[in-house]
Amino acid sequence: MKILVASAIHPDALEALEAKHDLVRAFNAPEDVLKEVIRDREILIFRSGVQITAAVMEQAPELKLLIRAGSGTDNIDLDYVRERGLKLVRIPGPGAKAVAEMAFGLMLALARNILPADQLTRQGRWAKHQMTGYLLTEKVLGVVGAGNIGSRVGWMGAAWGMTVLGCVEHPTPEKEARLREKGIRLTHCQEVLSQADFVSIHVPLKENTRNLIDAQALAMMKPGAFLVNLARGGVVDELALRDALVRGHLRGAALDVHAQEGEGKISPLADLPNVVLTPHIGAGTFDSQAEIGRIILDTVTTFAQSQADGAAEPVGASPSTL
């Protein structure tokens, strides 16, 4: 198969693909480069950090399969994918484990003042009595977007001894029952925001979620609460968040995703001491990326076999398709 890999994936998977297929690498390439290298490709593999536009896909008349090595689809033109009848395979499961665990890492970093404690200790300052923090146990965890990742965060919170509230875009009795089994009470977004001591954001970025957490939503939050965003930059209004933090309405915030991402970009929250900032590493564990790599290999193998057999599309290759 002729494959374009537009983002870095696990090296074992890359090596295995290269051994069996005609593979081109163009990690995080700009649109003009992608337009050139995709022309004769049949499969496109990508993660976040690269824009897969209609203008790019139009250059590839033989393109049949797109593999999103992760969850989000905000960096691909889904309308074009549907119009052309392309197969889009997502691999959300492995990254969900990593993102959920990182949510707790960020909550702990905020609640226990881990970053400032580390910095002061490195300076020789023994700030033991200045670093008193807060428990997560017996607090209220609010999950905005209790889907694949968010429900895992809620399940972990329940195991931690937290009271967990969650909301979803389209609630149903079936979703309510599934979440209840994980220790999550499904409710509306306003209650999640107003009752939670820790709010964790896990919604995709689309038109109705852009600036979902704006000044009005932040004002609903409990005074002294903490906010964690591992969803997408653009879901949280960063300037409104800055104002809520500076005024002391919120005690702290942690963001792994940002409105402006990439080398040289500086967050408007960067100068605040009660903020933790990381460079979109939520899904970035060796374990998750290795698992994603194995699923990519299985998906490509199944697709190649289906093409050899004359099937219309890959069968049973992926845990999640568009």
Protein backbone atom coordinates (compact mmCIF):
# COMPACT_ATOMS: atom_id res chain seq x y z
CA MET A 1 0.00 0.00 0.00
CA LYS A 2 1.09 3.60 -0.58
CA ILE A 3 1.04 5.32 2.81
CA LEU A 4 1.67 8.88 3.96
CA VAL A 5 2.53 9.26 7.64
CA ALA A 6 1.89 12.92 8.47
CA SER A 7 2.64 12.69 12.20
CA ALA A 8 5.17 10.87 14.33
CA ILE A 9 3.90 7.47 15.49
CA HIS A 10 5.58 4.79 17.57
CA PRO A 11 8.91 3.83 15.93
CA ASP A 12 8.14 0.09 16.00
CA ALA A 13 4.96 0.68 14.00
CA LEU A 14 6.75 2.99 11.60
CA GLU A 15 9.49 0.42 11.02
CA ALA A 16 6.97 -2.37 10.45
CA LEU A 17 4.98 -0.28 7.96
CA GLU A 18 8.12 0.73 6.12
CA ALA A 19 9.19 -2.90 5.78
CA LYS A 20 5.97 -3.95 4.04
CA HIS A 21 4.63 -0.85 2.29
CA ASP A 22 5.60 2.16 0.19
CA LEU A 23 5.80 4.75 2.95
CA VAL A 24 6.42 8.50 2.87
CA ARG A 25 7.08 10.54 6.02
CA ALA A 26 6.07 14.19 6.33
CA PHE A 27 5.65 14.83 10.02
CA ASN A 28 3.60 17.97 10.80
CA ALA A 29 4.27 19.32 7.31
CA PRO A 30 2.58 22.51 6.10
CA GLU A 31 -0.25 22.36 3.59
CA ASP A 32 1.90 23.03 0.51
CA VAL A 33 4.19 20.10 1.35
CA LEU A 34 1.30 17.77 2.13
CA LYS A 35 -0.30 18.59 -1.22
CA GLU A 36 2.81 17.30 -2.98
CA VAL A 37 3.54 14.17 -0.98
CA ILE A 38 -0.05 12.90 -0.80
CA ARG A 39 -0.69 12.81 -4.55
CA ASP A 40 -0.36 9.05 -5.11
CA ARG A 41 -1.11 7.87 -1.56
CA GLU A 42 -3.86 5.40 -0.65
CA ILE A 43 -3.62 5.67 3.15
CA LEU A 44 -3.02 8.70 5.37
CA ILE A 45 -1.95 8.33 9.02
CA PHE A 46 -1.98 11.40 11.25
CA ARG A 47 -2.28 12.75 14.78
CA SER A 48 -2.93 16.27 16.13
CA GLY A 49 -0.56 19.05 15.12
CA VAL A 50 -1.15 18.76 11.38
CA GLN A 51 -4.08 20.16 9.38
CA ILE A 52 -5.72 17.72 6.97
CA THR A 53 -7.73 20.10 4.81
CA ALA A 54 -9.97 19.44 1.83
CA ALA A 55 -7.32 21.13 -0.33
CA VAL A 56 -4.80 18.50 0.78
CA MET A 57 -7.10 15.51 0.29
CA GLU A 58 -8.21 16.76 -3.14
CA GLN A 59 -4.69 16.12 -4.39
CA ALA A 60 -4.96 12.39 -3.68
CA PRO A 61 -7.41 10.70 -6.08
CA GLU A 62 -6.37 7.24 -4.81
CA LEU A 63 -6.86 8.09 -1.13
CA LYS A 64 -9.23 5.61 0.51
CA LEU A 65 -8.35 5.28 4.20
CA LEU A 66 -7.46 7.83 6.87
CA ILE A 67 -6.20 6.66 10.25
CA ARG A 68 -6.38 9.14 13.12
CA ALA A 69 -3.82 7.85 15.61
CA GLY A 70 -5.83 9.16 18.53
CA SER A 71 -9.21 10.70 19.22
CA GLY A 72 -9.86 14.28 18.07
CA THR A 73 -11.03 15.18 14.58
CA ASP A 74 -10.87 18.98 14.78
CA ASN A 75 -7.83 19.03 12.45
CA ILE A 76 -9.50 17.27 9.51
CA ASP A 77 -12.22 18.43 7.13
CA LEU A 78 -14.94 15.93 8.03
CA ASP A 79 -17.39 17.30 5.47
CA TYR A 80 -14.95 16.46 2.69
CA VAL A 81 -14.33 12.99 4.15
CA ARG A 82 -18.07 12.27 4.11
CA GLU A 83 -18.66 13.78 0.67
CA ARG A 84 -15.93 11.69 -0.88
CA GLY A 85 -16.86 8.54 1.03
CA LEU A 86 -13.46 8.09 2.60
CA LYS A 87 -13.03 5.69 5.48
CA LEU A 88 -11.85 7.42 8.65
CA VAL A 89 -10.61 5.19 11.46
CA ARG A 90 -10.05 6.68 14.91
CA ILE A 91 -8.06 5.02 17.69
CA PRO A 92 -9.30 6.71 20.87
CA GLY A 93 -8.92 3.98 23.47
CA PRO A 94 -5.19 3.91 24.28
CA GLY A 95 -4.84 7.68 24.52
CA ALA A 96 -7.88 7.86 26.80
CA LYS A 97 -5.99 5.95 29.48
CA ALA A 98 -3.07 8.35 29.32
CA VAL A 99 -5.20 11.50 29.25
CA ALA A 100 -7.30 10.33 32.20
CA GLU A 101 -4.22 9.59 34.28
CA MET A 102 -2.74 12.96 33.41
CA ALA A 103 -5.93 14.68 34.57
CA PHE A 104 -5.18 13.36 38.03
CA GLY A 105 -1.54 14.33 37.74
CA LEU A 106 -2.60 17.90 37.01
CA MET A 107 -5.23 17.95 39.75
CA LEU A 108 -2.67 16.72 42.27
CA ALA A 109 -0.09 19.23 41.07
CA LEU A 110 -2.59 22.03 41.67
CA ALA A 111 -4.06 20.76 44.93
CA ARG A 112 -0.72 19.97 46.55
CA ASN A 113 1.34 22.90 45.21
CA ILE A 114 3.81 20.44 43.73
CA LEU A 115 5.44 22.80 41.22
CA PRO A 116 6.09 25.73 43.59
CA ALA A 117 7.18 23.30 46.31
CA ASP A 118 9.69 21.77 43.91
CA GLN A 119 11.02 25.16 42.81
CA LEU A 120 11.46 26.46 46.36
CA THR A 121 13.16 23.25 47.51
CA ARG A 122 15.63 23.48 44.63
CA GLN A 123 16.46 27.00 45.85
CA GLY A 124 17.23 25.71 49.33
CA ARG A 125 14.01 27.07 50.82
CA TRP A 126 12.27 24.67 53.19
CA ALA A 127 8.70 25.91 52.71
CA LYS A 128 7.05 23.01 54.51
CA HIS A 129 4.46 25.11 56.32
CA GLN A 130 3.71 27.32 53.30
CA MET A 131 2.80 24.40 51.04
CA THR A 132 -0.32 23.07 52.77
CA GLY A 133 -2.64 21.78 50.08
CA TYR A 134 -6.00 20.09 49.58
CA LEU A 135 -7.24 16.50 49.36
CA LEU A 136 -8.95 15.12 46.29
CA THR A 137 -10.68 12.50 48.43
CA GLU A 138 -14.22 13.52 49.46
CA LYS A 139 -14.20 16.45 47.03
CA VAL A 140 -16.63 16.90 44.12
CA LEU A 141 -15.20 16.15 40.67
CA GLY A 142 -17.09 17.67 37.76
CA VAL A 143 -16.54 16.16 34.32
CA VAL A 144 -17.63 18.33 31.39
CA GLY A 145 -17.90 15.82 28.57
CA ALA A 146 -18.31 12.40 30.19
CA GLY A 147 -17.57 10.45 27.03
CA ASN A 148 -14.73 8.04 26.30
CA ILE A 149 -12.06 9.98 28.20
CA GLY A 150 -14.26 11.91 30.61
CA SER A 151 -16.07 8.82 31.88
CA ARG A 152 -12.70 7.23 32.59
CA VAL A 153 -11.67 10.30 34.58
CA GLY A 154 -14.94 10.08 36.50
CA TRP A 155 -14.48 6.36 37.17
CA MET A 156 -11.00 7.03 38.54
CA GLY A 157 -12.37 9.89 40.65
CA ALA A 158 -15.02 7.63 42.15
CA ALA A 159 -12.34 5.08 43.01
CA TRP A 160 -10.41 7.91 44.67
CA GLY A 161 -13.38 8.61 46.93
CA MET A 162 -14.66 11.67 45.09
CA THR A 163 -18.29 12.51 44.38
CA VAL A 164 -18.47 12.64 40.59
CA LEU A 165 -20.87 14.69 38.49
CA GLY A 166 -20.83 14.54 34.70
CA CYS A 167 -22.58 16.04 31.72
CA VAL A 168 -22.81 15.09 28.06
CA GLU A 169 -24.11 16.87 24.97
CA HIS A 170 -26.92 14.40 24.29
CA PRO A 171 -28.03 12.70 27.51
CA THR A 172 -30.07 9.49 27.27
CA PRO A 173 -31.27 6.96 29.85
CA GLU A 174 -28.72 4.50 28.44
CA LYS A 175 -25.84 6.93 28.95
CA GLU A 176 -27.09 7.74 32.42
CA ALA A 177 -27.11 4.05 33.33
CA ARG A 178 -23.62 3.44 31.92
CA LEU A 179 -22.20 6.41 33.81
CA ARG A 180 -23.95 5.38 37.01
CA GLU A 181 -22.13 2.03 36.80
CA LYS A 182 -18.86 3.98 36.84
CA GLY A 183 -19.87 6.05 39.86
CA ILE A 184 -20.81 9.16 37.86
CA ARG A 185 -24.10 11.00 38.31
CA LEU A 186 -25.26 12.46 35.02
CA THR A 187 -26.62 15.98 35.34
CA HIS A 188 -26.61 19.29 33.46
CA CYS A 189 -23.52 21.39 32.83
CA GLN A 190 -24.60 24.18 35.17
CA GLU A 191 -24.71 21.83 38.15
CA VAL A 192 -21.36 20.31 37.23
CA LEU A 193 -19.75 23.74 37.16
CA SER A 194 -21.43 25.12 40.26
CA GLN A 195 -20.91 22.12 42.52
CA ALA A 196 -17.45 20.84 41.59
CA ASP A 197 -14.27 21.48 43.53
CA PHE A 198 -12.32 20.19 40.50
CA VAL A 199 -13.66 20.64 36.96
CA SER A 200 -12.07 18.52 34.23
CA ILE A 201 -12.87 19.36 30.58
CA HIS A 202 -13.15 16.56 27.99
CA VAL A 203 -15.20 17.76 25.02
CA PRO A 204 -14.20 17.89 21.34
CA LEU A 205 -13.62 21.27 19.74
CA LYS A 206 -16.45 22.20 17.38
CA GLU A 207 -18.61 25.23 16.80
CA ASN A 208 -20.85 24.72 19.81
CA THR A 209 -17.95 24.02 22.18
CA ARG A 210 -15.64 26.86 21.16
CA ASN A 211 -15.27 29.06 24.27
CA LEU A 212 -17.71 26.76 26.05
CA ILE A 213 -15.94 27.67 29.28
CA ASP A 214 -16.27 31.43 28.97
CA ALA A 215 -16.60 34.20 31.54
CA GLN A 216 -20.20 33.22 32.27
CA ALA A 217 -19.34 29.56 32.79
CA LEU A 218 -16.35 30.44 34.96
CA ALA A 219 -18.57 32.68 37.09
CA MET A 220 -20.81 29.66 37.76
CA MET A 221 -17.90 27.74 39.26
CA LYS A 222 -17.53 27.38 42.99
CA PRO A 223 -15.19 30.01 44.49
CA GLY A 224 -11.82 28.39 45.13
CA ALA A 225 -12.34 25.59 42.59
CA PHE A 226 -9.69 24.22 40.25
CA LEU A 227 -10.03 23.88 36.46
CA VAL A 228 -8.23 21.32 34.29
CA ASN A 229 -8.40 21.33 30.48
CA LEU A 230 -7.17 18.28 28.57
CA ALA A 231 -9.71 18.66 25.76
CA ARG A 232 -8.67 21.15 23.07
CA GLY A 233 -7.41 24.69 23.04
CA GLY A 234 -10.33 26.95 22.18
CA VAL A 235 -12.79 25.19 24.48
CA VAL A 236 -11.69 27.45 27.34
CA ASP A 237 -11.59 31.24 26.92
CA GLU A 238 -8.06 31.78 28.23
CA LEU A 239 -8.44 35.52 28.81
CA ALA A 240 -11.61 34.99 30.83
CA LEU A 241 -9.82 32.25 32.76
CA ARG A 242 -6.94 34.58 33.47
CA ASP A 243 -9.35 37.12 34.88
CA ALA A 244 -11.01 34.51 37.12
CA LEU A 245 -7.60 33.43 38.43
CA VAL A 246 -6.26 36.95 38.99
CA ARG A 247 -9.42 37.95 40.85
CA GLY A 248 -9.09 34.86 43.04
CA HIS A 249 -12.44 33.39 42.02
CA LEU A 250 -10.62 30.19 41.00
CA ARG A 251 -7.79 28.79 43.09
CA GLY A 252 -5.85 27.35 40.17
CA ALA A 253 -5.91 25.92 36.66
CA ALA A 254 -3.96 23.43 34.58
CA LEU A 255 -3.97 23.34 30.79
CA ASP A 256 -2.40 20.74 28.53
CA VAL A 257 -4.07 22.24 25.45
CA HIS A 258 -3.95 25.86 24.35
CA ALA A 259 -5.57 28.27 21.92
CA GLN A 260 -2.12 28.86 20.39
CA GLU A 261 0.16 25.83 20.27
CA GLY A 262 3.64 25.27 18.90
CA GLU A 263 7.21 26.47 19.28
CA GLY A 264 7.47 30.08 20.42
CA LYS A 265 3.84 30.36 21.52
CA ILE A 266 3.41 31.71 25.06
CA SER A 267 0.17 31.29 26.96
CA PRO A 268 -1.52 34.40 28.39
CA LEU A 269 -1.52 32.43 31.66
CA ALA A 270 2.23 31.86 31.70
CA ASP A 271 3.03 34.47 34.34
CA LEU A 272 0.50 33.22 36.89
CA PRO A 273 1.90 31.18 39.81
CA ASN A 274 -1.30 29.16 40.31
CA VAL A 275 -1.29 27.71 36.80
CA VAL A 276 0.29 24.53 35.41
CA LEU A 277 0.97 24.50 31.65
CA THR A 278 2.07 21.49 29.59
CA PRO A 279 2.58 21.15 25.80
CA HIS A 280 -0.30 18.88 24.70
CA ILE A 281 1.24 15.71 26.13
CA GLY A 282 -1.94 14.14 27.51
CA ALA A 283 -1.84 11.04 25.30
CA GLY A 284 1.94 10.98 25.14
CA THR A 285 2.94 7.84 27.01
CA PHE A 286 5.15 5.14 25.53
CA ASP A 287 2.53 2.55 26.48
CA SER A 288 -0.39 4.28 24.77
CA GLN A 289 1.57 5.14 21.65
CA ALA A 290 2.85 1.56 21.35
CA GLU A 291 -0.72 0.28 21.61
CA ILE A 292 -1.89 2.79 19.01
CA GLY A 293 0.96 1.65 16.77
CA ARG A 294 -0.17 -1.98 17.01
CA ILE A 295 -3.74 -1.00 16.12
CA ILE A 296 -2.46 1.01 13.14
CA LEU A 297 -0.61 -2.07 11.88
CA ASP A 298 -3.70 -4.27 12.28
CA THR A 299 -5.86 -1.66 10.52
CA VAL A 300 -3.48 -1.34 7.56
CA THR A 301 -3.10 -5.12 7.29
CA THR A 302 -6.87 -5.64 7.28
CA PHE A 303 -7.36 -2.86 4.74
CA ALA A 304 -4.65 -4.22 2.44
CA GLN A 305 -6.24 -7.68 2.58
CA SER A 306 -9.67 -6.24 1.85
CA GLN A 307 -8.26 -4.47 -1.21
CA ALA A 308 -6.63 -7.68 -2.39
CA ASP A 309 -9.95 -9.51 -1.93
CA GLY A 310 -11.88 -6.75 -3.70
CA ALA A 311 -13.83 -5.62 -0.60
CA ALA A 312 -15.33 -2.15 -0.56
CA GLU A 313 -13.86 -1.13 2.78
CA PRO A 314 -11.77 -2.43 5.69
CA VAL A 315 -13.68 -4.86 7.87
CA GLY A 316 -13.26 -5.13 11.64
CA ALA A 317 -10.03 -3.20 11.68
CA SER A 318 -10.73 -0.53 14.21
CA PRO A 319 -12.39 0.12 17.53
CA SER A 320 -13.84 3.42 16.32
CA THR A 321 -14.82 4.68 12.88
CA LEU A 322 -16.54 7.85 11.72
